[in-house]
Amino acid sequence: MSFSRGLAVFMLLWWTLVVLYPDPTVLVQSARAIVNPEADAAAAADLAARLPADPREIEAEVLRLMPYATDWEVQGVPWRFPTAAQAIADGRGDCEARAMVLMSVLEAKGIPHELRSSLSHMWVDYPGKLPTAIENDALVLADRGDGGFRLRLPDDFDLSREVESKIALFWDPMPWERRILLPAGLLLLAAGLNLAASRRPLHVGHRQARAGRARAGRPRRRRGLRGASAGV
């Protein structure tokens, strides 16, 4: 059996998906949600009714009511983008979950808002919001508001900072059994694929040798038949 390079890549990606997303529908739903994140005023109506009118006080209360937790802790996956209803039901979440809840509460109260994101963080901007070290215009990669979706290069970009944040978000909280399964499975698959690839030239050589012997034998049989006919 021969293994193409495309099949090898597919198998490695398949194993990665199986380990990181045992339920792949979580990834599919998150991909759909992040393409068009929308405020859900209905889902946040009860929460909004209990909160004050000042948006800064609203944000403080949402952050208090929604303790920070990584997607590994909430859903058992490295990344998930929940709807506002899902985030409220969870009662905790990362910056994306908190942003969806805050945006929905502001929508329910009729307060203008704009969803913003950097390479490593997501937050909600609103009238009177004060910038912070991780929530300011210089870090914005994309924003979405009444004017639609806008993508731009952030003015403040630090590669080492971004790498460190991704490690802290995706790798550090990963359960230890997943840390073992992921590289172990990839190594075993790679070894198996390399073994199959190393045997392929040997099989091809045997087939070519047999075909060569067959071709070499046919002309000799024909010459023998001609010689017999001439003798008669």
Protein backbone atom coordinates (compact mmCIF):
# COMPACT_ATOMS: atom_id res chain seq x y z
CA MET A 1 0.00 0.00 0.00
CA SER A 2 1.39 3.37 -0.97
CA PHE A 3 0.89 6.52 1.08
CA SER A 4 0.75 9.83 -0.71
CA ARG A 5 1.95 13.01 0.91
CA GLY A 6 -1.61 14.32 0.96
CA LEU A 7 -2.80 11.28 2.90
CA ALA A 8 0.04 11.71 5.37
CA VAL A 9 -0.92 15.33 6.02
CA PHE A 10 -4.58 14.32 6.37
CA MET A 11 -3.80 11.66 8.97
CA LEU A 12 -1.63 14.01 11.03
CA LEU A 13 -4.32 16.70 10.97
CA TRP A 14 -6.98 14.12 11.78
CA TRP A 15 -5.13 12.98 14.90
CA THR A 16 -4.61 16.58 16.02
CA LEU A 17 -8.34 17.25 15.63
CA VAL A 18 -9.30 14.07 17.50
CA VAL A 19 -7.10 14.97 20.48
CA LEU A 20 -7.97 18.66 20.65
CA TYR A 21 -11.65 18.43 19.68
CA PRO A 22 -13.20 15.07 20.60
CA ASP A 23 -16.51 16.71 19.66
CA PRO A 24 -15.74 18.52 16.37
CA THR A 25 -19.11 20.29 16.38
CA VAL A 26 -17.68 22.65 19.02
CA LEU A 27 -15.09 23.84 16.51
CA VAL A 28 -17.64 24.12 13.69
CA GLN A 29 -20.06 26.16 15.81
CA SER A 30 -17.27 28.42 17.04
CA ALA A 31 -16.05 29.07 13.50
CA ARG A 32 -19.57 30.08 12.47
CA ALA A 33 -20.04 32.30 15.52
CA ILE A 34 -16.78 34.23 15.18
CA VAL A 35 -17.46 35.06 11.53
CA ASN A 36 -20.44 37.15 12.57
CA PRO A 37 -20.51 37.72 16.35
CA GLU A 38 -23.83 39.30 17.25
CA ALA A 39 -25.20 40.74 20.47
CA ASP A 40 -28.13 38.80 21.89
CA ALA A 41 -30.26 41.25 23.83
CA ALA A 42 -32.92 38.63 24.55
CA ALA A 43 -30.43 36.24 26.13
CA ALA A 44 -29.02 39.03 28.33
CA ALA A 45 -32.35 40.70 29.18
CA ASP A 46 -32.66 39.26 32.70
CA LEU A 47 -29.04 40.07 33.51
CA ALA A 48 -29.35 43.57 32.06
CA ALA A 49 -32.39 44.30 34.22
CA ARG A 50 -30.32 43.75 37.37
CA LEU A 51 -27.40 45.93 36.32
CA PRO A 52 -26.91 49.73 36.59
CA ALA A 53 -27.16 52.12 33.65
CA ASP A 54 -23.55 53.31 33.58
CA PRO A 55 -21.58 51.20 31.05
CA ARG A 56 -18.41 51.21 33.13
CA GLU A 57 -20.32 49.87 36.11
CA ILE A 58 -21.97 47.33 33.83
CA GLU A 59 -18.59 46.10 32.63
CA ALA A 60 -17.29 45.79 36.18
CA GLU A 61 -20.34 43.74 37.18
CA VAL A 62 -20.12 41.48 34.13
CA LEU A 63 -16.48 40.75 34.89
CA ARG A 64 -17.38 40.01 38.50
CA LEU A 65 -20.29 37.76 37.61
CA MET A 66 -18.29 36.01 34.87
CA PRO A 67 -15.04 34.77 36.47
CA TYR A 68 -12.22 34.28 34.01
CA ALA A 69 -11.67 30.70 32.84
CA THR A 70 -9.92 29.30 29.80
CA ASP A 71 -11.74 27.27 27.16
CA TRP A 72 -9.85 24.22 28.40
CA GLU A 73 -11.48 24.70 31.80
CA VAL A 74 -14.97 25.48 30.51
CA GLN A 75 -15.35 23.19 27.50
CA GLY A 76 -12.26 20.98 27.45
CA VAL A 77 -10.97 22.40 24.15
CA PRO A 78 -8.16 24.84 23.29
CA TRP A 79 -10.45 27.39 21.64
CA ARG A 80 -14.16 28.04 21.58
CA PHE A 81 -16.22 31.08 20.63
CA PRO A 82 -19.53 30.90 22.50
CA THR A 83 -22.73 32.76 21.84
CA ALA A 84 -23.94 35.13 24.53
CA ALA A 85 -26.54 32.58 25.63
CA GLN A 86 -23.90 29.86 25.97
CA ALA A 87 -21.54 32.14 27.90
CA ILE A 88 -24.29 33.20 30.31
CA ALA A 89 -25.24 29.56 30.86
CA ASP A 90 -21.60 28.66 31.56
CA GLY A 91 -21.30 31.46 34.12
CA ARG A 92 -17.59 31.90 33.38
CA GLY A 93 -15.28 32.18 30.40
CA ASP A 94 -12.37 33.84 28.67
CA CYS A 95 -12.22 37.31 27.17
CA GLU A 96 -14.36 36.30 24.19
CA ALA A 97 -17.13 34.89 26.36
CA ARG A 98 -17.12 37.95 28.63
CA ALA A 99 -17.13 40.28 25.63
CA MET A 100 -20.17 38.54 24.15
CA VAL A 101 -22.05 38.89 27.43
CA LEU A 102 -21.07 42.54 27.93
CA MET A 103 -21.97 43.41 24.34
CA SER A 104 -25.37 41.76 24.73
CA VAL A 105 -26.10 43.56 28.00
CA LEU A 106 -25.20 46.92 26.44
CA GLU A 107 -27.42 46.06 23.49
CA ALA A 108 -30.30 45.25 25.81
CA LYS A 109 -29.87 48.61 27.53
CA GLY A 110 -29.57 50.53 24.27
CA ILE A 111 -25.98 51.65 24.93
CA PRO A 112 -23.73 52.05 21.84
CA HIS A 113 -20.92 49.54 21.70
CA GLU A 114 -18.23 48.16 19.42
CA LEU A 115 -16.60 44.74 19.59
CA ARG A 116 -12.82 44.94 19.29
CA SER A 117 -10.03 42.40 19.20
CA SER A 118 -6.26 42.27 19.16
CA LEU A 119 -4.09 39.28 18.35
CA SER A 120 -4.55 37.95 21.87
CA HIS A 121 -7.57 39.66 23.42
CA MET A 122 -11.18 40.69 22.76
CA TRP A 123 -13.10 43.47 24.46
CA VAL A 124 -16.04 45.86 24.04
CA ASP A 125 -15.65 49.58 23.50
CA TYR A 126 -18.39 51.99 24.57
CA PRO A 127 -18.79 55.71 25.33
CA GLY A 128 -16.64 56.65 28.31
CA LYS A 129 -14.51 53.50 28.36
CA LEU A 130 -11.00 54.14 29.60
CA PRO A 131 -8.10 52.50 27.70
CA THR A 132 -5.95 49.93 29.48
CA ALA A 133 -2.66 48.20 28.74
CA ILE A 134 -4.44 45.43 26.84
CA GLU A 135 -7.48 47.37 25.62
CA ASN A 136 -6.52 50.39 23.53
CA ASP A 137 -6.57 51.64 19.94
CA ALA A 138 -2.91 50.79 19.29
CA LEU A 139 -3.60 47.07 19.77
CA VAL A 140 -6.74 46.79 17.65
CA LEU A 141 -6.53 44.21 14.88
CA ALA A 142 -10.23 44.09 14.06
CA ASP A 143 -13.38 45.81 15.22
CA ARG A 144 -17.07 45.47 14.50
CA GLY A 145 -19.73 48.09 15.08
CA ASP A 146 -22.47 49.94 13.25
CA GLY A 147 -19.99 50.67 10.47
CA GLY A 148 -19.41 46.95 9.88
CA PHE A 149 -16.27 44.87 10.16
CA ARG A 150 -12.84 46.51 9.84
CA LEU A 151 -9.45 44.81 9.75
CA ARG A 152 -6.16 46.66 10.24
CA LEU A 153 -2.59 46.14 11.35
CA PRO A 154 -2.09 46.98 15.04
CA ASP A 155 0.25 49.87 15.80
CA ASP A 156 1.62 48.09 18.85
CA PHE A 157 2.87 44.62 17.89
CA ASP A 158 5.35 42.52 19.87
CA LEU A 159 5.98 39.01 18.53
CA SER A 160 7.47 37.64 21.75
CA ARG A 161 4.51 38.97 23.72
CA GLU A 162 2.05 37.33 21.35
CA VAL A 163 3.87 33.99 21.46
CA GLU A 164 3.95 34.04 25.25
CA SER A 165 0.24 34.84 25.42
CA LYS A 166 -0.63 31.96 23.07
CA ILE A 167 1.43 29.50 25.12
CA ALA A 168 -0.23 30.69 28.31
CA LEU A 169 -3.68 30.41 26.73
CA PHE A 170 -3.48 27.16 24.75
CA TRP A 171 -0.64 25.03 26.12
CA ASP A 172 -0.24 25.79 29.83
CA PRO A 173 -3.83 24.88 30.81
CA MET A 174 -3.96 21.80 28.54
CA PRO A 175 -4.72 18.61 30.52
CA TRP A 176 -1.61 16.47 30.94
CA GLU A 177 -3.15 13.45 29.18
CA ARG A 178 -3.75 15.55 26.05
CA ARG A 179 -0.15 16.80 26.21
CA ILE A 180 0.99 13.18 26.05
CA LEU A 181 -1.52 11.94 23.47
CA LEU A 182 -0.95 14.70 20.94
CA PRO A 183 2.82 14.37 20.37
CA ALA A 184 2.83 10.60 20.96
CA GLY A 185 0.20 10.02 18.31
CA LEU A 186 1.88 12.35 15.84
CA LEU A 187 5.22 10.59 16.32
CA LEU A 188 3.68 7.14 15.84
CA LEU A 189 1.84 8.24 12.72
CA ALA A 190 4.97 9.86 11.30
CA ALA A 191 6.98 6.70 11.99
CA GLY A 192 4.36 4.51 10.33
CA LEU A 193 4.14 6.73 7.29
CA ASN A 194 7.92 6.82 6.93
CA LEU A 195 8.06 3.02 7.17
CA ALA A 196 5.40 2.65 4.49
CA ALA A 197 7.20 5.13 2.26
CA SER A 198 10.54 3.32 2.69
CA ARG A 199 9.00 0.02 1.57
CA ARG A 200 7.41 1.49 -1.53
CA PRO A 201 10.58 1.61 -3.73
CA LEU A 202 11.32 -2.04 -2.84
CA HIS A 203 7.90 -3.17 -4.04
CA VAL A 204 8.20 -1.07 -7.17
CA GLY A 205 11.65 -2.56 -7.88
CA HIS A 206 10.29 -6.13 -7.58
CA ARG A 207 7.46 -5.38 -9.98
CA GLN A 208 9.80 -3.77 -12.48
CA ALA A 209 12.20 -6.74 -12.29
CA ARG A 210 9.41 -9.24 -12.92
CA ALA A 211 8.13 -7.18 -15.85
CA GLY A 212 11.67 -7.02 -17.30
CA ARG A 213 12.11 -10.79 -17.08
CA ALA A 214 8.77 -11.35 -18.77
CA ARG A 215 9.65 -9.02 -21.64
CA ALA A 216 13.07 -10.65 -22.03
CA GLY A 217 11.56 -14.13 -22.24
CA ARG A 218 8.98 -13.46 -24.94
CA PRO A 219 11.39 -12.75 -27.87
CA ARG A 220 13.36 -15.93 -27.16
CA ARG A 221 10.22 -18.04 -27.42
CA ARG A 222 9.31 -16.39 -30.73
CA ARG A 223 12.76 -17.11 -32.19
CA GLY A 224 12.45 -20.72 -31.19
CA LEU A 225 9.13 -21.03 -32.98
CA ARG A 226 10.56 -19.47 -36.15
CA GLY A 227 13.47 -21.88 -36.12
CA ALA A 228 11.15 -24.86 -35.81
CA SER A 229 9.02 -23.65 -38.72
CA ALA A 230 12.10 -23.24 -40.96
CA GLY A 231 13.24 -26.78 -40.24
CA VAL A 232 9.90 -28.20 -41.36
